[in-house]
Amino acid sequence: MKKWMYLIAPTVMLGAFLFLYVAESKEAEIKEQAKAAEIAKTKAQEAEKKKIAEEKARLDSAKRAAERAAEDAKREADKIAKREAESKRIQDETEKYLADAAAQSKKISDLELQVEAARKAKDQASRESFDLLKQVERAKVERRNAEIEIARLTEMLARRASDSSMTRMPTPPAPAAK
């Protein structure tokens, strides 16, 4: 029996080991399945959290992109409005200055006409003044000539009269002898 002991003891131990192994392996398998289920549940929760975070990030990104687009559109509209206001101001100023230039041009042409009329009046006055001075000088010359002629005639008459026998004094009679 001793021989069989060598066989029975390891077989009993093998049976006990197998019994314990199978029980433990089932328990380990259950634990492993529970752990795998927990890991799957954790992964599912993480995937759900990741999906929610991605959705939230996508929505936030879309919101920021929409805000950015609205700000860009507003900035562009402000730029366009500012440019149009500046253009309108420049156009108004241009029209104002053109109207002012036209008024000043009309005023200049009126003043040039007045200057031309004044020049003509001055020339006419100068001509009249010159004609009057000419007449005065002519009158002076004619007066001088008339005075010279009168003086010549007077001198000629005086010479004729002095040469005439009628104007001479008779010679005084000689004094009577006494």
N, C-alpha and C. Protein backbone atom coordinates (compact mmCIF):
# COMPACT_ATOMS: atom_id res chain seq x y z
N MET A 1 0.76 -1.10 0.00
CA MET A 1 0.00 0.00 0.00
C MET A 1 0.86 1.24 0.00
N LYS A 2 1.89 1.09 0.30
CA LYS A 2 2.77 2.19 0.32
C LYS A 2 2.96 2.71 -1.08
N LYS A 3 2.87 1.96 -2.03
CA LYS A 3 3.05 2.40 -3.38
C LYS A 3 1.86 3.23 -3.82
N TRP A 4 0.80 2.72 -3.36
CA TRP A 4 -0.39 3.44 -3.76
C TRP A 4 -0.46 4.80 -3.07
N MET A 5 0.18 4.93 -2.07
CA MET A 5 0.21 6.16 -1.31
C MET A 5 0.86 7.25 -2.13
N TYR A 6 1.85 6.80 -2.82
CA TYR A 6 2.52 7.76 -3.66
C TYR A 6 1.58 8.25 -4.78
N LEU A 7 0.67 7.46 -5.10
CA LEU A 7 -0.24 7.82 -6.16
C LEU A 7 -1.51 8.47 -5.59
N ILE A 8 -2.01 8.01 -4.50
CA ILE A 8 -3.25 8.50 -3.97
C ILE A 8 -3.04 9.90 -3.39
N ALA A 9 -2.04 10.13 -2.65
CA ALA A 9 -1.83 11.44 -2.00
C ALA A 9 -1.71 12.53 -3.07
N PRO A 10 -0.92 12.36 -4.12
CA PRO A 10 -0.87 13.42 -5.10
C PRO A 10 -2.19 13.53 -5.84
N THR A 11 -2.91 12.44 -6.04
CA THR A 11 -4.17 12.51 -6.74
C THR A 11 -5.18 13.23 -5.89
N VAL A 12 -5.23 12.96 -4.60
CA VAL A 12 -6.16 13.64 -3.70
C VAL A 12 -5.78 15.12 -3.69
N MET A 13 -4.54 15.38 -3.58
CA MET A 13 -4.09 16.77 -3.56
C MET A 13 -4.42 17.45 -4.89
N LEU A 14 -4.24 16.66 -5.98
CA LEU A 14 -4.57 17.21 -7.28
C LEU A 14 -6.06 17.49 -7.35
N GLY A 15 -6.87 16.60 -6.83
CA GLY A 15 -8.33 16.78 -6.81
C GLY A 15 -8.69 18.00 -5.99
N ALA A 16 -8.05 18.10 -4.78
CA ALA A 16 -8.34 19.25 -3.91
C ALA A 16 -7.88 20.54 -4.61
N PHE A 17 -6.72 20.41 -5.21
CA PHE A 17 -6.20 21.60 -5.92
C PHE A 17 -7.13 21.98 -7.06
N LEU A 18 -7.57 20.96 -7.83
CA LEU A 18 -8.47 21.22 -8.94
C LEU A 18 -9.78 21.81 -8.44
N PHE A 19 -10.30 21.25 -7.31
CA PHE A 19 -11.53 21.78 -6.74
C PHE A 19 -11.34 23.24 -6.35
N LEU A 20 -10.27 23.50 -5.64
CA LEU A 20 -9.98 24.88 -5.21
C LEU A 20 -9.67 25.76 -6.43
N TYR A 21 -8.95 25.20 -7.39
CA TYR A 21 -8.59 25.96 -8.59
C TYR A 21 -9.82 26.35 -9.38
N VAL A 22 -10.71 25.36 -9.59
CA VAL A 22 -11.91 25.61 -10.36
C VAL A 22 -12.77 26.64 -9.63
N ALA A 23 -12.90 26.49 -8.30
CA ALA A 23 -13.71 27.43 -7.52
C ALA A 23 -13.08 28.82 -7.60
N GLU A 24 -11.78 28.86 -7.40
CA GLU A 24 -11.07 30.16 -7.46
C GLU A 24 -11.08 30.73 -8.86
N SER A 25 -10.93 29.88 -9.89
CA SER A 25 -10.92 30.39 -11.25
C SER A 25 -12.29 30.92 -11.62
N LYS A 26 -13.38 30.26 -11.15
CA LYS A 26 -14.72 30.79 -11.39
C LYS A 26 -14.87 32.12 -10.69
N GLU A 27 -14.41 32.15 -9.42
CA GLU A 27 -14.49 33.41 -8.66
C GLU A 27 -13.62 34.48 -9.31
N ALA A 28 -12.43 34.11 -9.79
CA ALA A 28 -11.55 35.06 -10.46
C ALA A 28 -12.18 35.51 -11.78
N GLU A 29 -12.83 34.54 -12.46
CA GLU A 29 -13.49 34.88 -13.71
C GLU A 29 -14.66 35.84 -13.44
N ILE A 30 -15.41 35.60 -12.38
CA ILE A 30 -16.52 36.51 -12.02
C ILE A 30 -15.95 37.88 -11.67
N LYS A 31 -14.87 37.87 -10.88
CA LYS A 31 -14.23 39.15 -10.51
C LYS A 31 -13.72 39.86 -11.76
N GLU A 32 -13.12 39.04 -12.64
CA GLU A 32 -12.59 39.62 -13.87
C GLU A 32 -13.73 40.15 -14.74
N GLN A 33 -14.82 39.42 -14.82
CA GLN A 33 -15.97 39.89 -15.58
C GLN A 33 -16.54 41.17 -14.94
N ALA A 34 -16.60 41.18 -13.58
CA ALA A 34 -17.09 42.37 -12.88
C ALA A 34 -16.14 43.54 -13.15
N LYS A 35 -14.85 43.22 -13.08
CA LYS A 35 -13.87 44.28 -13.35
C LYS A 35 -13.97 44.76 -14.80
N ALA A 36 -14.15 43.82 -15.74
CA ALA A 36 -14.28 44.17 -17.15
C ALA A 36 -15.56 44.98 -17.35
N ALA A 37 -16.64 44.58 -16.65
CA ALA A 37 -17.90 45.33 -16.74
C ALA A 37 -17.71 46.73 -16.16
N GLU A 38 -17.00 46.79 -15.04
CA GLU A 38 -16.72 48.10 -14.43
C GLU A 38 -15.86 48.95 -15.35
N ILE A 39 -14.86 48.34 -15.96
CA ILE A 39 -14.00 49.07 -16.91
C ILE A 39 -14.82 49.50 -18.11
N ALA A 40 -15.70 48.59 -18.60
CA ALA A 40 -16.55 48.94 -19.74
C ALA A 40 -17.49 50.09 -19.34
N LYS A 41 -18.03 49.97 -18.11
CA LYS A 41 -18.92 51.03 -17.62
C LYS A 41 -18.15 52.34 -17.50
N THR A 42 -16.92 52.29 -16.97
CA THR A 42 -16.09 53.48 -16.84
C THR A 42 -15.76 54.04 -18.22
N LYS A 43 -15.41 53.14 -19.14
CA LYS A 43 -15.11 53.58 -20.50
C LYS A 43 -16.34 54.20 -21.14
N ALA A 44 -17.50 53.58 -20.91
CA ALA A 44 -18.75 54.12 -21.46
C ALA A 44 -19.02 55.51 -20.86
N GLN A 45 -18.81 55.62 -19.53
CA GLN A 45 -19.01 56.93 -18.88
C GLN A 45 -18.01 57.95 -19.43
N GLU A 46 -16.75 57.51 -19.58
CA GLU A 46 -15.74 58.42 -20.11
C GLU A 46 -16.07 58.80 -21.56
N ALA A 47 -16.52 57.79 -22.33
CA ALA A 47 -16.90 58.07 -23.71
C ALA A 47 -18.08 59.05 -23.74
N GLU A 48 -19.05 58.83 -22.82
CA GLU A 48 -20.20 59.74 -22.74
C GLU A 48 -19.74 61.14 -22.33
N LYS A 49 -18.84 61.19 -21.31
CA LYS A 49 -18.30 62.49 -20.89
C LYS A 49 -17.53 63.15 -22.03
N LYS A 50 -16.74 62.34 -22.74
CA LYS A 50 -15.96 62.86 -23.86
C LYS A 50 -16.90 63.37 -24.96
N LYS A 51 -17.96 62.56 -25.22
CA LYS A 51 -18.93 62.95 -26.23
C LYS A 51 -19.62 64.27 -25.82
N ILE A 52 -20.02 64.35 -24.55
CA ILE A 52 -20.66 65.57 -24.04
C ILE A 52 -19.69 66.75 -24.12
N ALA A 53 -18.44 66.51 -23.73
CA ALA A 53 -17.42 67.57 -23.78
C ALA A 53 -17.18 68.01 -25.22
N GLU A 54 -17.11 67.02 -26.13
CA GLU A 54 -16.91 67.37 -27.54
C GLU A 54 -18.10 68.16 -28.07
N GLU A 55 -19.31 67.72 -27.69
CA GLU A 55 -20.52 68.44 -28.12
C GLU A 55 -20.52 69.86 -27.56
N LYS A 56 -20.15 69.93 -26.26
CA LYS A 56 -20.09 71.24 -25.61
C LYS A 56 -19.02 72.11 -26.28
N ALA A 57 -17.86 71.54 -26.58
CA ALA A 57 -16.78 72.27 -27.24
C ALA A 57 -17.20 72.70 -28.64
N ARG A 58 -17.89 71.78 -29.35
CA ARG A 58 -18.36 72.11 -30.69
C ARG A 58 -19.38 73.25 -30.63
N LEU A 59 -20.32 73.16 -29.70
CA LEU A 59 -21.31 74.24 -29.54
C LEU A 59 -20.64 75.56 -29.15
N ASP A 60 -19.70 75.45 -28.20
CA ASP A 60 -18.98 76.65 -27.76
C ASP A 60 -18.16 77.23 -28.91
N SER A 61 -17.53 76.36 -29.67
CA SER A 61 -16.76 76.81 -30.84
C SER A 61 -17.67 77.46 -31.87
N ALA A 62 -18.82 76.83 -32.11
CA ALA A 62 -19.77 77.41 -33.06
C ALA A 62 -20.27 78.75 -32.54
N LYS A 63 -20.54 78.82 -31.24
CA LYS A 63 -21.02 80.08 -30.63
C LYS A 63 -19.95 81.17 -30.77
N ARG A 64 -18.69 80.80 -30.45
CA ARG A 64 -17.60 81.79 -30.58
C ARG A 64 -17.40 82.19 -32.03
N ALA A 65 -17.52 81.22 -32.95
CA ALA A 65 -17.37 81.54 -34.38
C ALA A 65 -18.50 82.47 -34.81
N ALA A 66 -19.72 82.22 -34.33
CA ALA A 66 -20.85 83.09 -34.67
C ALA A 66 -20.64 84.49 -34.08
N GLU A 67 -20.17 84.54 -32.83
CA GLU A 67 -19.89 85.84 -32.20
C GLU A 67 -18.80 86.58 -32.97
N ARG A 68 -17.74 85.84 -33.32
CA ARG A 68 -16.64 86.43 -34.06
C ARG A 68 -17.12 86.94 -35.42
N ALA A 69 -17.96 86.12 -36.09
CA ALA A 69 -18.51 86.53 -37.38
C ALA A 69 -19.39 87.77 -37.21
N ALA A 70 -20.20 87.79 -36.12
CA ALA A 70 -21.05 88.96 -35.87
C ALA A 70 -20.20 90.20 -35.59
N GLU A 71 -19.15 90.02 -34.79
CA GLU A 71 -18.25 91.15 -34.51
C GLU A 71 -17.56 91.63 -35.78
N ASP A 72 -17.10 90.67 -36.61
CA ASP A 72 -16.47 91.05 -37.87
C ASP A 72 -17.46 91.78 -38.77
N ALA A 73 -18.69 91.26 -38.83
CA ALA A 73 -19.71 91.91 -39.67
C ALA A 73 -20.01 93.31 -39.13
N LYS A 74 -20.08 93.42 -37.80
CA LYS A 74 -20.35 94.73 -37.19
C LYS A 74 -19.19 95.69 -37.48
N ARG A 75 -17.96 95.20 -37.31
CA ARG A 75 -16.79 96.03 -37.59
C ARG A 75 -16.78 96.47 -39.05
N GLU A 76 -17.08 95.52 -39.94
CA GLU A 76 -17.11 95.84 -41.37
C GLU A 76 -18.22 96.85 -41.67
N ALA A 77 -19.39 96.64 -41.04
CA ALA A 77 -20.50 97.59 -41.24
C ALA A 77 -20.12 98.97 -40.70
N ASP A 78 -19.45 98.98 -39.54
CA ASP A 78 -18.99 100.27 -38.98
C ASP A 78 -18.00 100.94 -39.91
N LYS A 79 -17.07 100.13 -40.45
CA LYS A 79 -16.08 100.69 -41.39
C LYS A 79 -16.77 101.27 -42.61
N ILE A 80 -17.73 100.50 -43.15
CA ILE A 80 -18.45 100.96 -44.34
C ILE A 80 -19.24 102.22 -44.02
N ALA A 81 -19.93 102.22 -42.86
CA ALA A 81 -20.71 103.41 -42.48
C ALA A 81 -19.78 104.61 -42.27
N LYS A 82 -18.65 104.37 -41.65
CA LYS A 82 -17.70 105.47 -41.42
C LYS A 82 -17.16 105.98 -42.76
N ARG A 83 -16.82 105.04 -43.66
CA ARG A 83 -16.32 105.43 -44.97
C ARG A 83 -17.38 106.22 -45.74
N GLU A 84 -18.64 105.73 -45.67
CA GLU A 84 -19.71 106.43 -46.37
C GLU A 84 -19.96 107.81 -45.76
N ALA A 85 -19.91 107.90 -44.42
CA ALA A 85 -20.09 109.20 -43.77
C ALA A 85 -18.97 110.15 -44.17
N GLU A 86 -17.75 109.64 -44.21
CA GLU A 86 -16.60 110.47 -44.61
C GLU A 86 -16.75 110.90 -46.06
N SER A 87 -17.18 109.96 -46.90
CA SER A 87 -17.38 110.26 -48.32
C SER A 87 -18.48 111.31 -48.48
N LYS A 88 -19.57 111.18 -47.72
CA LYS A 88 -20.67 112.15 -47.79
C LYS A 88 -20.18 113.52 -47.32
N ARG A 89 -19.40 113.54 -46.22
CA ARG A 89 -18.88 114.81 -45.71
C ARG A 89 -17.99 115.48 -46.75
N ILE A 90 -17.13 114.68 -47.37
CA ILE A 90 -16.23 115.23 -48.40
C ILE A 90 -17.04 115.73 -49.59
N GLN A 91 -18.07 114.96 -49.98
CA GLN A 91 -18.92 115.37 -51.10
C GLN A 91 -19.64 116.67 -50.77
N ASP A 92 -20.17 116.75 -49.53
CA ASP A 92 -20.87 117.98 -49.12
C ASP A 92 -19.92 119.17 -49.12
N GLU A 93 -18.72 118.95 -48.57
CA GLU A 93 -17.74 120.04 -48.55
C GLU A 93 -17.35 120.44 -49.97
N THR A 94 -17.19 119.44 -50.84
CA THR A 94 -16.83 119.73 -52.23
C THR A 94 -17.93 120.56 -52.89
N GLU A 95 -19.19 120.14 -52.70
CA GLU A 95 -20.30 120.89 -53.28
C GLU A 95 -20.35 122.30 -52.71
N LYS A 96 -20.12 122.42 -51.40
CA LYS A 96 -20.14 123.73 -50.76
C LYS A 96 -19.03 124.62 -51.35
N TYR A 97 -17.84 124.06 -51.46
CA TYR A 97 -16.73 124.86 -51.98
C TYR A 97 -16.91 125.17 -53.47
N LEU A 98 -17.51 124.24 -54.21
CA LEU A 98 -17.78 124.53 -55.62
C LEU A 98 -18.80 125.65 -55.76
N ALA A 99 -19.84 125.60 -54.91
CA ALA A 99 -20.85 126.67 -54.93
C ALA A 99 -20.20 127.99 -54.53
N ASP A 100 -19.35 127.94 -53.51
CA ASP A 100 -18.65 129.14 -53.05
C ASP A 100 -17.73 129.66 -54.15
N ALA A 101 -17.04 128.72 -54.84
CA ALA A 101 -16.15 129.12 -55.93
C ALA A 101 -16.95 129.75 -57.07
N ALA A 102 -18.13 129.18 -57.36
CA ALA A 102 -18.96 129.75 -58.42
C ALA A 102 -19.42 131.16 -58.02
N ALA A 103 -19.83 131.32 -56.76
CA ALA A 103 -20.26 132.65 -56.29
C ALA A 103 -19.09 133.64 -56.35
N GLN A 104 -17.92 133.17 -55.93
CA GLN A 104 -16.74 134.05 -55.96
C GLN A 104 -16.36 134.38 -57.41
N SER A 105 -16.50 133.39 -58.29
CA SER A 105 -16.20 133.63 -59.71
C SER A 105 -17.15 134.67 -60.29
N LYS A 106 -18.44 134.57 -59.93
CA LYS A 106 -19.42 135.55 -60.40
C LYS A 106 -19.08 136.93 -59.83
N LYS A 107 -18.71 136.94 -58.55
CA LYS A 107 -18.34 138.22 -57.92
C LYS A 107 -17.12 138.81 -58.62
N ILE A 108 -16.15 137.95 -58.96
CA ILE A 108 -14.94 138.41 -59.65
C ILE A 108 -15.30 138.99 -61.01
N SER A 109 -16.18 138.27 -61.74
CA SER A 109 -16.54 138.78 -63.06
C SER A 109 -17.30 140.11 -62.93
N ASP A 110 -18.16 140.23 -61.91
CA ASP A 110 -18.86 141.50 -61.68
C ASP A 110 -17.86 142.61 -61.35
N LEU A 111 -16.90 142.28 -60.49
CA LEU A 111 -15.89 143.28 -60.12
C LEU A 111 -15.03 143.65 -61.32
N GLU A 112 -14.71 142.65 -62.17
CA GLU A 112 -13.92 142.96 -63.37
C GLU A 112 -14.70 143.89 -64.30
N LEU A 113 -16.03 143.64 -64.42
CA LEU A 113 -16.86 144.54 -65.23
C LEU A 113 -16.87 145.95 -64.63
N GLN A 114 -16.96 146.02 -63.30
CA GLN A 114 -16.94 147.34 -62.65
C GLN A 114 -15.59 148.03 -62.86
N VAL A 115 -14.50 147.25 -62.75
CA VAL A 115 -13.17 147.81 -62.96
C VAL A 115 -13.05 148.31 -64.40
N GLU A 116 -13.54 147.50 -65.35
CA GLU A 116 -13.48 147.90 -66.76
C GLU A 116 -14.29 149.17 -66.99
N ALA A 117 -15.48 149.24 -66.37
CA ALA A 117 -16.31 150.45 -66.51
C ALA A 117 -15.60 151.65 -65.87
N ALA A 118 -14.97 151.42 -64.73
CA ALA A 118 -14.25 152.51 -64.06
C ALA A 118 -13.06 152.96 -64.91
N ARG A 119 -12.37 151.99 -65.54
CA ARG A 119 -11.25 152.35 -66.41
C ARG A 119 -11.73 153.19 -67.59
N LYS A 120 -12.86 152.75 -68.19
CA LYS A 120 -13.40 153.51 -69.32
C LYS A 120 -13.80 154.90 -68.87
N ALA A 121 -14.44 154.99 -67.68
CA ALA A 121 -14.84 156.30 -67.17
C ALA A 121 -13.60 157.15 -66.89
N LYS A 122 -12.56 156.53 -66.36
CA LYS A 122 -11.32 157.27 -66.07
C LYS A 122 -10.69 157.75 -67.38
N ASP A 123 -10.64 156.82 -68.37
CA ASP A 123 -10.08 157.22 -69.66
C ASP A 123 -10.90 158.35 -70.27
N GLN A 124 -12.23 158.25 -70.18
CA GLN A 124 -13.10 159.30 -70.71
C GLN A 124 -12.85 160.61 -69.97
N ALA A 125 -12.75 160.52 -68.64
CA ALA A 125 -12.50 161.72 -67.84
C ALA A 125 -11.12 162.30 -68.18
N SER A 126 -10.14 161.40 -68.37
CA SER A 126 -8.80 161.88 -68.73
C SER A 126 -8.83 162.57 -70.09
N ARG A 127 -9.54 161.96 -71.05
CA ARG A 127 -9.66 162.56 -72.37
C ARG A 127 -10.34 163.92 -72.30
N GLU A 128 -11.45 163.97 -71.53
CA GLU A 128 -12.17 165.24 -71.40
C GLU A 128 -11.28 166.28 -70.73
N SER A 129 -10.57 165.85 -69.67
CA SER A 129 -9.67 166.77 -68.97
C SER A 129 -8.59 167.26 -69.93
N PHE A 130 -8.04 166.34 -70.72
CA PHE A 130 -7.01 166.72 -71.68
C PHE A 130 -7.59 167.69 -72.72
N ASP A 131 -8.80 167.40 -73.19
CA ASP A 131 -9.43 168.29 -74.17
C ASP A 131 -9.66 169.67 -73.56
N LEU A 132 -10.12 169.71 -72.30
CA LEU A 132 -10.36 170.99 -71.63
C LEU A 132 -9.05 171.75 -71.44
N LEU A 133 -7.99 171.02 -71.03
CA LEU A 133 -6.68 171.68 -70.87
C LEU A 133 -6.19 172.20 -72.21
N LYS A 134 -6.45 171.42 -73.25
CA LYS A 134 -6.05 171.83 -74.59
C LYS A 134 -6.79 173.11 -74.99
N GLN A 135 -8.08 173.14 -74.70
CA GLN A 135 -8.88 174.34 -75.01
C GLN A 135 -8.39 175.53 -74.20
N VAL A 136 -8.07 175.29 -72.92
CA VAL A 136 -7.57 176.39 -72.08
C VAL A 136 -6.26 176.91 -72.64
N GLU A 137 -5.35 175.98 -72.98
CA GLU A 137 -4.06 176.40 -73.53
C GLU A 137 -4.26 177.14 -74.86
N ARG A 138 -5.17 176.62 -75.69
CA ARG A 138 -5.46 177.29 -76.95
C ARG A 138 -5.99 178.70 -76.70
N ALA A 139 -6.89 178.80 -75.70
CA ALA A 139 -7.45 180.12 -75.37
C ALA A 139 -6.36 181.05 -74.88
N LYS A 140 -5.42 180.50 -74.08
CA LYS A 140 -4.30 181.33 -73.58
C LYS A 140 -3.44 181.80 -74.75
N VAL A 141 -3.17 180.85 -75.67
CA VAL A 141 -2.34 181.20 -76.82
C VAL A 141 -3.06 182.26 -77.67
N GLU A 142 -4.36 182.03 -77.90
CA GLU A 142 -5.12 183.01 -78.69
C GLU A 142 -5.15 184.36 -77.99
N ARG A 143 -5.30 184.38 -76.68
CA ARG A 143 -5.30 185.64 -75.93
C ARG A 143 -3.95 186.34 -76.07
N ARG A 144 -2.87 185.54 -75.90
CA ARG A 144 -1.53 186.10 -76.04
C ARG A 144 -1.34 186.67 -77.44
N ASN A 145 -1.78 185.88 -78.43
CA ASN A 145 -1.67 186.36 -79.82
C ASN A 145 -2.51 187.64 -80.00
N ALA A 146 -3.70 187.67 -79.41
CA ALA A 146 -4.55 188.86 -79.53
C ALA A 146 -3.90 190.04 -78.83
N GLU A 147 -3.32 189.80 -77.67
CA GLU A 147 -2.65 190.89 -76.95
C GLU A 147 -1.45 191.40 -77.76
N ILE A 148 -0.69 190.43 -78.33
CA ILE A 148 0.45 190.83 -79.14
C ILE A 148 -0.03 191.62 -80.35
N GLU A 149 -1.13 191.16 -80.96
CA GLU A 149 -1.68 191.85 -82.14
C GLU A 149 -2.16 193.25 -81.73
N ILE A 150 -2.82 193.34 -80.59
CA ILE A 150 -3.28 194.66 -80.10
C ILE A 150 -2.08 195.55 -79.84
N ALA A 151 -1.06 194.97 -79.21
CA ALA A 151 0.14 195.76 -78.91
C ALA A 151 0.80 196.20 -80.22
N ARG A 152 0.87 195.34 -81.19
CA ARG A 152 1.47 195.70 -82.48
C ARG A 152 0.65 196.78 -83.15
N LEU A 153 -0.66 196.60 -83.16
CA LEU A 153 -1.52 197.62 -83.78
C LEU A 153 -1.39 198.95 -83.04
N THR A 154 -1.36 198.87 -81.72
CA THR A 154 -1.23 200.09 -80.94
C THR A 154 0.11 200.74 -81.24
N GLU A 155 1.14 199.99 -81.30
CA GLU A 155 2.46 200.54 -81.60
C GLU A 155 2.50 201.08 -83.01
N MET A 156 1.88 200.38 -83.95
CA MET A 156 1.85 200.86 -85.33
C MET A 156 1.05 202.17 -85.40
N LEU A 157 -0.06 202.22 -84.71
CA LEU A 157 -0.83 203.47 -84.69
C LEU A 157 -0.03 204.58 -84.01
N ALA A 158 0.64 204.21 -82.97
CA ALA A 158 1.44 205.23 -82.28
C ALA A 158 2.56 205.69 -83.18
N ARG A 159 3.19 204.85 -83.92
CA ARG A 159 4.24 205.25 -84.84
C ARG A 159 3.67 206.10 -85.96
N ARG A 160 2.55 205.73 -86.52
CA ARG A 160 1.94 206.51 -87.59
C ARG A 160 1.54 207.87 -87.03
N ALA A 161 1.00 207.83 -85.86
CA ALA A 161 0.59 209.11 -85.29
C ALA A 161 1.80 209.96 -84.99
N SER A 162 2.86 209.37 -84.55
CA SER A 162 4.04 210.16 -84.27
C SER A 162 4.68 210.62 -85.57
N ASP A 163 4.52 209.86 -86.61
CA ASP A 163 5.06 210.26 -87.91
C ASP A 163 4.12 211.25 -88.59
N SER A 164 2.96 211.34 -88.21
CA SER A 164 1.99 212.20 -88.89
C SER A 164 2.25 213.65 -88.50
N SER A 165 1.94 214.56 -89.44
CA SER A 165 2.17 215.97 -89.22
C SER A 165 1.10 216.55 -88.32
N MET A 166 0.03 215.92 -88.22
CA MET A 166 -1.04 216.44 -87.41
C MET A 166 -0.75 216.24 -85.94
N THR A 167 -0.02 215.35 -85.69
CA THR A 167 0.22 215.07 -84.30
C THR A 167 1.45 215.78 -83.82
N ARG A 168 2.17 216.43 -84.74
CA ARG A 168 3.36 217.12 -84.31
C ARG A 168 2.97 218.48 -83.79
N MET A 169 3.65 218.96 -82.97
CA MET A 169 3.40 220.29 -82.43
C MET A 169 3.95 221.31 -83.42
N PRO A 170 3.18 222.26 -83.61
CA PRO A 170 3.71 223.26 -84.54
C PRO A 170 4.95 223.88 -83.91
N THR A 171 5.76 224.31 -84.73
CA THR A 171 6.99 224.90 -84.25
C THR A 171 6.62 226.24 -83.60
N PRO A 172 7.10 226.55 -82.58
CA PRO A 172 6.70 227.75 -81.91
C PRO A 172 7.17 228.97 -82.71
N PRO A 173 6.37 229.97 -82.77
CA PRO A 173 6.76 231.15 -83.51
C PRO A 173 7.95 231.79 -82.83
N ALA A 174 8.65 232.44 -83.56
CA ALA A 174 9.86 232.99 -83.03
C ALA A 174 9.48 234.18 -82.14
N PRO A 175 10.16 234.46 -81.21
CA PRO A 175 9.74 235.48 -80.29
C PRO A 175 9.83 236.84 -81.01
N ALA A 176 9.03 237.65 -80.71
CA ALA A 176 8.94 238.96 -81.37
C ALA A 176 10.09 239.84 -80.89
N ALA A 177 10.45 240.63 -81.73
CA ALA A 177 11.61 241.44 -81.44
C ALA A 177 11.18 242.62 -80.63
N LYS A 178 11.72 243.10 -79.91
CA LYS A 178 11.36 244.13 -79.08
C LYS A 178 12.30 245.17 -79.06
